[in-house]
């Protein structure tokens, strides 16, 4: 007995949600890297609706990931709060700058940054832990949030792809804590983005919630995997993830007209 189109559609949604949830838990990212292509190519969404629906799906997935990271004590709340301040503002700024800035130039600079970051993650190093919170560090964290939020708005890339490597390489945070902190920041950022997309009728809330619920258990499993993963292996896998993002961004350059 063959599955009906409705059943086939539901299976695709569940699989996409589960894959995104696992990615969110293991890497501390939102999962949009998988959700957006799945919504476009497997489920037939247009680009704008895919991004909006993906952001809505990220909320329950990121929440489930965060609960796991909290349970294992791997969230730096002081860092998360200040990055979130910048990221929320950046998400708004990015959507506005998209209309006026040469996006192709920004995309190329972003690709170069990812290549350098991925290469650095492949080198062996020890994360000693961040310095005590100071005014200078707070300003740096807010700037990180602003940049990650702005680039997310401009290029449709999840902020975790930017936040996690920076927290590891620049702020010397252990990979698992960087991931847990990233997930904590993603939640308010996704809330802001979903609210704005909902106002512009760019979100399929029903599909987003279905995707998100499908990914919650996988997100918990991914978070538990991350808590026991060797730091060097974690950095290697994240570098591979960054190269995947690089390939996607390079392929997308042809679609950018300015």
Protein backbone atom coordinates (compact mmCIF):
# COMPACT_ATOMS: atom_id res chain seq x y z
CA UNK A 1 0.00 0.00 0.00
CA UNK A 2 1.52 3.29 -1.09
CA UNK A 3 1.44 6.38 1.10
CA UNK A 4 -0.94 9.18 0.18
CA UNK A 5 0.46 12.62 -0.75
CA UNK A 6 -0.64 13.89 2.66
CA UNK A 7 1.18 11.06 4.45
CA UNK A 8 4.28 11.58 2.31
CA UNK A 9 4.24 15.28 3.13
CA UNK A 10 3.94 14.55 6.87
CA UNK A 11 6.82 12.05 6.75
CA UNK A 12 9.05 14.65 5.04
CA UNK A 13 8.13 17.23 7.67
CA UNK A 14 8.89 14.83 10.54
CA UNK A 15 12.23 13.77 9.06
CA UNK A 16 13.29 17.36 8.39
CA UNK A 17 12.33 18.38 11.93
CA UNK A 18 14.20 15.46 13.49
CA UNK A 19 17.35 16.15 11.46
CA UNK A 20 17.24 19.84 12.36
CA UNK A 21 16.72 18.99 16.03
CA UNK A 22 19.75 16.69 16.09
CA UNK A 23 21.87 19.40 14.44
CA UNK A 24 20.65 21.98 16.94
CA UNK A 25 21.50 19.79 19.90
CA UNK A 26 24.92 18.65 18.71
CA UNK A 27 26.17 21.97 17.32
CA UNK A 28 24.26 24.63 19.27
CA UNK A 29 22.74 26.12 16.11
CA UNK A 30 19.14 26.68 15.16
CA UNK A 31 18.83 23.99 12.51
CA UNK A 32 17.80 26.35 9.73
CA UNK A 33 20.66 25.08 7.57
CA UNK A 34 18.63 21.93 7.08
CA UNK A 35 15.12 23.31 7.48
CA UNK A 36 15.29 26.00 4.79
CA UNK A 37 16.47 23.65 1.98
CA UNK A 38 14.00 21.00 3.13
CA UNK A 39 11.10 23.45 3.04
CA UNK A 40 12.10 24.71 -0.42
CA UNK A 41 13.13 21.54 -2.23
CA UNK A 42 11.17 18.81 -0.45
CA UNK A 43 8.03 20.69 0.57
CA UNK A 44 7.77 23.29 -2.22
CA UNK A 45 7.92 26.51 -0.16
CA UNK A 46 9.19 29.74 -1.71
CA UNK A 47 12.38 31.28 -0.29
CA UNK A 48 10.75 33.93 1.88
CA UNK A 49 8.13 31.63 3.42
CA UNK A 50 10.77 28.93 3.98
CA UNK A 51 12.95 31.28 6.03
CA UNK A 52 10.00 32.50 8.10
CA UNK A 53 8.65 29.01 8.74
CA UNK A 54 12.12 27.72 9.60
CA UNK A 55 12.54 30.45 12.20
CA UNK A 56 9.23 29.48 13.81
CA UNK A 57 10.31 25.82 13.90
CA UNK A 58 13.58 26.77 15.58
CA UNK A 59 11.79 27.98 18.72
CA UNK A 60 10.66 24.59 20.15
CA UNK A 61 13.81 22.90 18.86
CA UNK A 62 16.11 25.44 20.52
CA UNK A 63 14.02 25.28 23.70
CA UNK A 64 14.47 21.50 23.92
CA UNK A 65 18.21 21.85 23.26
CA UNK A 66 18.48 24.54 25.92
CA UNK A 67 16.78 22.38 28.56
CA UNK A 68 19.39 19.68 27.94
CA UNK A 69 22.30 22.12 28.12
CA UNK A 70 20.86 23.63 31.32
CA UNK A 71 20.52 20.14 32.80
CA UNK A 72 24.20 19.44 32.14
CA UNK A 73 25.25 22.89 33.41
CA UNK A 74 26.59 24.05 30.06
CA UNK A 75 25.10 27.54 29.64
CA UNK A 76 26.98 30.74 30.46
CA UNK A 77 24.02 33.01 31.23
CA UNK A 78 26.05 36.18 31.71
CA UNK A 79 27.48 35.82 28.19
CA UNK A 80 24.12 34.77 26.71
CA UNK A 81 22.29 37.83 28.00
CA UNK A 82 24.70 40.35 26.51
CA UNK A 83 24.99 38.56 23.16
CA UNK A 84 21.18 38.39 23.02
CA UNK A 85 20.94 42.15 23.49
CA UNK A 86 23.03 42.66 20.36
CA UNK A 87 21.47 39.77 18.41
CA UNK A 88 17.90 40.98 18.83
CA UNK A 89 18.87 44.44 17.61
CA UNK A 90 20.94 42.89 14.82
CA UNK A 91 18.01 40.82 13.57
CA UNK A 92 16.03 44.03 13.08
CA UNK A 93 18.96 45.92 11.56
CA UNK A 94 19.80 43.10 9.16
CA UNK A 95 16.34 43.00 7.62
CA UNK A 96 16.50 46.75 7.03
CA UNK A 97 20.06 46.82 5.68
CA UNK A 98 19.16 44.09 3.21
CA UNK A 99 17.49 46.77 1.10
CA UNK A 100 20.45 49.17 0.90
CA UNK A 101 23.79 47.32 1.28
CA UNK A 102 25.68 45.43 -1.48
CA UNK A 103 24.73 41.99 -0.24
CA UNK A 104 27.08 40.16 -2.62
CA UNK A 105 30.12 41.91 -1.13
CA UNK A 106 28.90 41.09 2.39
CA UNK A 107 28.31 37.47 1.40
CA UNK A 108 31.85 37.15 0.02
CA UNK A 109 33.34 38.66 3.19
CA UNK A 110 31.22 36.28 5.25
CA UNK A 111 32.49 33.29 3.24
CA UNK A 112 36.11 34.36 3.76
CA UNK A 113 35.49 34.68 7.49
CA UNK A 114 33.96 31.19 7.62
CA UNK A 115 36.92 29.67 5.76
CA UNK A 116 39.39 31.22 8.22
CA UNK A 117 37.26 30.15 11.20
CA UNK A 118 36.88 26.57 9.95
CA UNK A 119 40.63 26.34 9.33
CA UNK A 120 41.35 27.61 12.85
CA UNK A 121 38.95 25.09 14.38
CA UNK A 122 40.88 22.29 12.68
CA UNK A 123 44.03 23.29 14.58
CA UNK A 124 44.55 21.81 18.02
CA UNK A 125 44.17 24.27 20.91
CA UNK A 126 42.90 24.34 24.49
CA UNK A 127 39.98 26.51 25.60
CA UNK A 128 41.07 27.98 28.94
CA UNK A 129 37.76 29.64 29.81
CA UNK A 130 36.62 33.24 29.39
CA UNK A 131 37.89 36.17 31.45
CA UNK A 132 35.81 37.75 34.19
CA UNK A 133 32.93 39.89 32.98
CA UNK A 134 34.07 43.49 32.46
CA UNK A 135 32.82 46.50 30.54
CA UNK A 136 35.16 45.70 27.66
CA UNK A 137 33.95 42.09 27.50
CA UNK A 138 30.30 43.19 27.66
CA UNK A 139 30.85 45.53 24.71
CA UNK A 140 32.55 42.73 22.76
CA UNK A 141 29.65 40.36 23.48
CA UNK A 142 27.04 42.89 22.38
CA UNK A 143 29.02 43.50 19.17
CA UNK A 144 29.17 39.74 18.54
CA UNK A 145 25.40 39.55 18.95
CA UNK A 146 24.87 42.55 16.69
CA UNK A 147 27.06 41.06 13.95
CA UNK A 148 25.52 37.59 14.16
CA UNK A 149 21.98 38.98 14.21
CA UNK A 150 22.66 41.33 11.32
CA UNK A 151 24.25 38.64 9.17
CA UNK A 152 21.33 36.33 9.96
CA UNK A 153 18.95 39.01 8.70
CA UNK A 154 21.05 39.74 5.62
CA UNK A 155 22.01 36.22 4.56
CA UNK A 156 19.50 33.91 6.22
CA UNK A 157 22.23 32.13 8.21
CA UNK A 158 21.58 31.03 11.77
CA UNK A 159 23.44 33.07 14.39
CA UNK A 160 24.89 29.96 16.03
CA UNK A 161 27.18 29.37 13.05
CA UNK A 162 28.85 32.69 13.92
CA UNK A 163 28.48 32.76 17.70
CA UNK A 164 29.86 29.31 18.56
CA UNK A 165 33.25 29.62 16.77
CA UNK A 166 33.77 33.16 18.11
CA UNK A 167 33.04 32.09 21.67
CA UNK A 168 35.48 29.18 21.30
CA UNK A 169 38.29 30.95 19.44
CA UNK A 170 38.17 34.50 20.81
CA UNK A 171 36.57 34.17 24.25
CA UNK A 172 38.25 30.80 24.98
CA UNK A 173 35.02 29.10 26.07
CA UNK A 174 34.85 25.28 26.06
CA UNK A 175 32.92 24.07 22.96
CA UNK A 176 30.01 22.54 24.90
CA UNK A 177 29.44 25.75 26.90
CA UNK A 178 29.69 27.85 23.73
CA UNK A 179 26.99 25.69 22.15
CA UNK A 180 24.67 25.85 25.15
CA UNK A 181 25.09 29.61 25.36
CA UNK A 182 24.42 29.95 21.62
CA UNK A 183 21.13 28.05 21.94
CA UNK A 184 20.08 30.36 24.78
CA UNK A 185 20.65 33.37 22.51
CA UNK A 186 18.87 31.80 19.54
CA UNK A 187 15.53 31.63 21.38
CA UNK A 188 14.90 35.39 21.86
CA UNK A 189 16.37 36.09 18.41
CA UNK A 190 14.01 33.58 16.80
CA UNK A 191 11.10 35.02 18.77
CA UNK A 192 11.79 38.50 17.43
CA UNK A 193 12.24 37.22 13.87
CA UNK A 194 9.08 35.10 13.99
CA UNK A 195 7.06 38.03 15.31
CA UNK A 196 8.30 40.26 12.48
CA UNK A 197 7.73 37.55 9.85
CA UNK A 198 4.26 36.85 11.20
CA UNK A 199 3.36 40.51 10.79
CA UNK A 200 4.52 40.31 7.16
CA UNK A 201 2.62 37.03 6.55
CA UNK A 202 5.89 35.19 5.87
CA UNK A 203 5.40 32.29 8.29
CA UNK A 204 3.42 29.04 8.11
CA UNK A 205 2.92 28.67 11.85
CA UNK A 206 1.25 25.25 11.63
CA UNK A 207 4.10 23.75 9.60
CA UNK A 208 6.67 25.49 11.78
CA UNK A 209 5.23 24.02 14.98
CA UNK A 210 5.01 20.56 13.39
CA UNK A 211 8.66 20.75 12.34
CA UNK A 212 9.65 22.05 15.76
CA UNK A 213 7.78 19.39 17.71
CA UNK A 214 9.29 16.69 15.47
CA UNK A 215 12.75 17.98 16.28
CA UNK A 216 12.46 18.34 20.06
CA UNK A 217 13.38 14.77 21.05
CA UNK A 218 16.24 14.74 18.55
CA UNK A 219 17.44 18.07 20.00
CA UNK A 220 17.57 16.57 23.49
CA UNK A 221 19.55 13.60 22.16
CA UNK A 222 21.92 15.94 20.34
CA UNK A 223 22.49 17.99 23.49
CA UNK A 224 23.36 14.87 25.46
CA UNK A 225 25.79 13.81 22.73
CA UNK A 226 27.43 17.25 22.82
CA UNK A 227 27.90 17.08 26.60
CA UNK A 228 30.03 13.93 26.30
CA UNK A 229 31.87 14.76 23.08
CA UNK A 230 35.63 15.26 23.02
CA UNK A 231 36.39 19.00 22.44
CA UNK A 232 38.71 18.33 19.51
CA UNK A 233 36.11 16.10 17.84
CA UNK A 234 33.51 18.79 18.50
CA UNK A 235 35.68 21.41 16.78
CA UNK A 236 36.34 19.08 13.84
CA UNK A 237 32.62 18.42 13.31
CA UNK A 238 31.82 22.11 13.62
CA UNK A 239 34.49 22.91 11.03
CA UNK A 240 32.82 20.42 8.69
CA UNK A 241 29.50 22.13 9.34
CA UNK A 242 31.07 25.50 8.46
CA UNK A 243 32.38 24.10 5.18
CA UNK A 244 28.84 22.97 4.40
CA UNK A 245 27.64 26.52 5.05
CA UNK A 246 30.45 27.86 2.83
CA UNK A 247 29.38 25.63 -0.06
CA UNK A 248 25.79 26.76 0.36
CA UNK A 249 26.79 30.44 0.46
CA UNK A 250 29.03 30.11 -2.62
CA UNK A 251 26.23 28.45 -4.57
CA UNK A 252 23.91 31.25 -3.46
CA UNK A 253 26.19 33.99 -4.80
CA UNK A 254 24.84 33.44 -8.29
CA UNK A 255 21.37 34.39 -7.08
CA UNK A 256 22.53 37.72 -5.65
CA UNK A 257 22.21 40.51 -8.16
CA UNK A 258 23.93 43.27 -6.17
